[in-house]
Amino acid sequence: MVTFSRQPHAGINPSHSTSVQAANARAPRLRWMNFNICPHCRANGRSGALERLNEWGPIISRSDGLNCHLVLGDRPIEYPAERASGKTEMMSAGFWYVHEANGGSTETVVVILRRPPIGGVSLRCHLEMVADKLYEKLRKSSRLPCIYEFDRKHLHQVAH
C-alpha cells in the first residue's frame, strides 16, 4: 500500500495578519511524511521502496520529494545498552537519510532520547517530533552530525 501525505502549500489569505503570513513564509514546509515509497528516490530514478529492519510500528519518514529523505531505521532501544550501567530512562533511535548533494549515499544519525515516553502513541509522537526537527536541519544542510540529544523540546548536537 502506498500512502502519501502532503501538507498543502500556504496560500495568501487576506483574513490573516501580515505577521502570520510572514511567519508562515519562513516556516519549513514538510512536503512528504510517513510514506512507504519514497518520492525523492522515485524522482531520482530509484525504486523508492523503503526497507525496514523489522515491522515495529509505523514508518516514520520525511522527504522534500526531490533532494532528500529521512527514515527511522528501527525501534528505539535502551541507552546505553549495557545492563551494568543500570536503568537510565534514556533511549536511542537511529535514522537513515539520503541527500543528493552527498552523492545519494545513505548516512546515519543517532538521537539520544532523554526521558522519552514509555511507549505506544506518545512514543510514536515523540519520534515524529524528532524526525521533524532532523528534517528541518537536513533541508538547511546536506549533512547531519552523527549524534544528537533530544530533551522533549530541543535537538542538540552531541560533541564527541
Protein backbone atom coordinates (compact mmCIF):
# COMPACT_ATOMS: atom_id res chain seq x y z
CA MET A 1 0.00 0.00 0.00
CA VAL A 2 1.33 3.42 -0.91
CA THR A 3 0.46 6.27 1.40
CA PHE A 4 1.49 9.82 0.62
CA SER A 5 0.69 12.68 2.93
CA ARG A 6 1.22 16.10 1.51
CA GLN A 7 0.95 19.24 3.52
CA PRO A 8 -0.78 21.88 1.41
CA HIS A 9 1.13 24.98 0.46
CA ALA A 10 0.02 28.05 2.34
CA GLY A 11 -1.97 30.42 0.17
CA ILE A 12 -2.46 34.09 0.73
CA ASN A 13 -5.49 34.65 2.87
CA PRO A 14 -6.49 38.29 3.33
CA SER A 15 -8.01 37.47 6.72
CA HIS A 16 -4.58 36.57 8.13
CA SER A 17 -2.42 39.30 9.56
CA THR A 18 0.85 40.26 7.87
CA SER A 19 2.88 38.86 10.78
CA VAL A 20 1.18 35.45 10.47
CA GLN A 21 1.85 35.44 6.71
CA ALA A 22 5.50 36.33 7.32
CA ALA A 23 5.85 33.54 9.91
CA ASN A 24 4.25 31.04 7.51
CA ALA A 25 6.60 32.10 4.70
CA ARG A 26 9.66 31.40 6.91
CA ALA A 27 8.40 28.11 8.37
CA PRO A 28 9.80 24.99 6.71
CA ARG A 29 7.12 23.00 4.92
CA LEU A 30 7.08 19.22 5.18
CA ARG A 31 6.05 18.02 1.78
CA TRP A 32 6.01 14.25 2.27
CA MET A 33 5.51 12.38 5.53
CA ASN A 34 5.32 8.71 6.58
CA PHE A 35 5.49 7.16 3.14
CA ASN A 36 6.28 3.58 2.06
CA ILE A 37 7.51 4.55 -1.40
CA CYS A 38 9.98 7.45 -1.32
CA PRO A 39 9.06 10.33 -3.65
CA HIS A 40 12.64 11.64 -3.52
CA CYS A 41 14.07 8.30 -4.70
CA ARG A 42 11.43 7.98 -7.42
CA ALA A 43 12.22 11.50 -8.65
CA ASN A 44 15.90 10.49 -8.89
CA GLY A 45 15.32 7.27 -10.85
CA ARG A 46 15.48 4.77 -7.96
CA SER A 47 12.80 2.25 -6.97
CA GLY A 48 11.76 4.15 -3.86
CA ALA A 49 10.77 1.10 -1.79
CA LEU A 50 11.86 1.64 1.82
CA GLU A 51 13.35 -1.35 3.59
CA ARG A 52 12.76 -1.81 7.30
CA LEU A 53 14.76 -3.81 9.82
CA ASN A 54 11.54 -5.11 11.41
CA GLU A 55 7.84 -4.42 11.42
CA TRP A 56 7.86 -2.41 14.67
CA GLY A 57 5.40 0.46 14.48
CA PRO A 58 4.50 2.70 11.57
CA ILE A 59 7.05 4.10 9.15
CA ILE A 60 8.30 7.48 10.28
CA SER A 61 9.78 9.26 7.27
CA ARG A 62 10.19 12.72 5.80
CA SER A 63 11.14 13.95 2.32
CA ASP A 64 11.14 17.10 0.25
CA GLY A 65 10.27 14.92 -2.75
CA LEU A 66 13.39 15.87 -4.69
CA ASN A 67 16.65 16.32 -2.76
CA CYS A 68 16.45 14.21 0.39
CA HIS A 69 14.66 11.77 2.65
CA LEU A 70 14.93 10.74 6.30
CA VAL A 71 13.64 7.46 7.77
CA LEU A 72 13.54 5.99 11.29
CA GLY A 73 15.68 2.86 10.88
CA ASP A 74 14.30 0.70 13.70
CA ARG A 75 12.55 0.86 17.04
CA PRO A 76 14.30 2.88 19.76
CA ILE A 77 16.45 0.91 22.20
CA GLU A 78 17.61 1.48 25.77
CA TYR A 79 20.60 3.77 26.05
CA PRO A 80 23.22 2.89 26.98
CA ALA A 81 22.60 -0.73 26.05
CA GLU A 82 24.89 -2.17 28.76
CA ARG A 83 22.86 -3.52 31.68
CA ALA A 84 25.68 -2.92 34.18
CA SER A 85 25.09 0.83 33.93
CA GLY A 86 21.60 0.48 35.43
CA LYS A 87 18.36 1.97 34.18
CA THR A 88 18.96 5.42 32.69
CA GLU A 89 15.46 6.33 31.46
CA MET A 90 17.01 7.11 28.08
CA MET A 91 16.68 5.53 24.65
CA SER A 92 18.44 5.90 21.33
CA ALA A 93 16.88 5.98 17.89
CA GLY A 94 18.71 5.58 14.60
CA PHE A 95 17.65 7.48 11.50
CA TRP A 96 18.90 6.98 7.96
CA TYR A 97 18.99 9.80 5.47
CA VAL A 98 19.95 10.38 1.87
CA HIS A 99 20.73 13.76 0.36
CA GLU A 100 21.53 14.12 -3.33
CA ALA A 101 24.25 16.69 -2.53
CA ASN A 102 26.17 13.81 -0.86
CA GLY A 103 26.02 11.66 -3.99
CA GLY A 104 22.90 9.81 -2.90
CA SER A 105 24.67 7.69 -0.27
CA THR A 106 22.85 6.60 2.87
CA GLU A 107 24.06 8.25 6.08
CA THR A 108 23.14 7.54 9.71
CA VAL A 109 22.30 9.81 12.63
CA VAL A 110 21.60 8.61 16.17
CA VAL A 111 19.40 10.56 18.54
CA ILE A 112 19.62 10.00 22.30
CA LEU A 113 16.15 10.48 23.74
CA ARG A 114 16.25 11.87 27.28
CA ARG A 115 13.14 10.95 29.31
CA PRO A 116 11.11 9.63 26.35
CA PRO A 117 7.52 8.46 26.81
CA ILE A 118 7.26 4.77 27.73
CA GLY A 119 5.61 3.55 24.55
CA GLY A 120 2.60 3.47 22.30
CA VAL A 121 1.17 6.54 20.65
CA SER A 122 3.08 9.01 22.85
CA LEU A 123 6.44 7.43 21.91
CA ARG A 124 5.48 7.50 18.23
CA CYS A 125 4.55 11.19 18.51
CA HIS A 126 7.88 11.83 20.26
CA LEU A 127 9.76 10.14 17.38
CA GLU A 128 7.69 12.12 14.86
CA MET A 129 8.81 15.34 16.56
CA VAL A 130 12.45 14.20 16.36
CA ALA A 131 12.00 13.36 12.65
CA ASP A 132 10.55 16.83 12.01
CA LYS A 133 13.49 18.53 13.72
CA LEU A 134 16.08 16.40 11.89
CA TYR A 135 14.33 17.07 8.60
CA GLU A 136 14.45 20.83 9.22
CA LYS A 137 18.21 20.54 9.74
CA LEU A 138 18.62 18.32 6.66
CA ARG A 139 16.83 20.86 4.48
CA LYS A 140 19.33 23.52 5.56
CA SER A 141 22.44 21.35 5.23
CA SER A 142 23.09 18.20 3.23
CA ARG A 143 25.00 16.54 6.11
CA LEU A 144 23.94 15.97 9.69
CA PRO A 145 26.23 15.36 12.67
CA CYS A 146 26.31 11.71 13.79
CA ILE A 147 24.80 12.17 17.26
CA TYR A 148 22.12 14.40 18.77
CA GLU A 149 20.27 14.55 22.08
CA PHE A 150 16.57 15.31 22.28
CA ASP A 151 15.17 16.58 25.61
CA ARG A 152 11.45 16.55 24.65
CA LYS A 153 11.74 20.03 23.13
CA HIS A 154 15.16 20.75 21.67
CA LEU A 155 17.53 18.79 19.46
CA HIS A 156 21.18 19.39 20.44
CA GLN A 157 24.28 18.16 18.67
CA VAL A 158 26.49 15.96 20.87
CA ALA A 159 30.19 16.74 20.65
CA HIS A 160 32.28 13.59 20.51
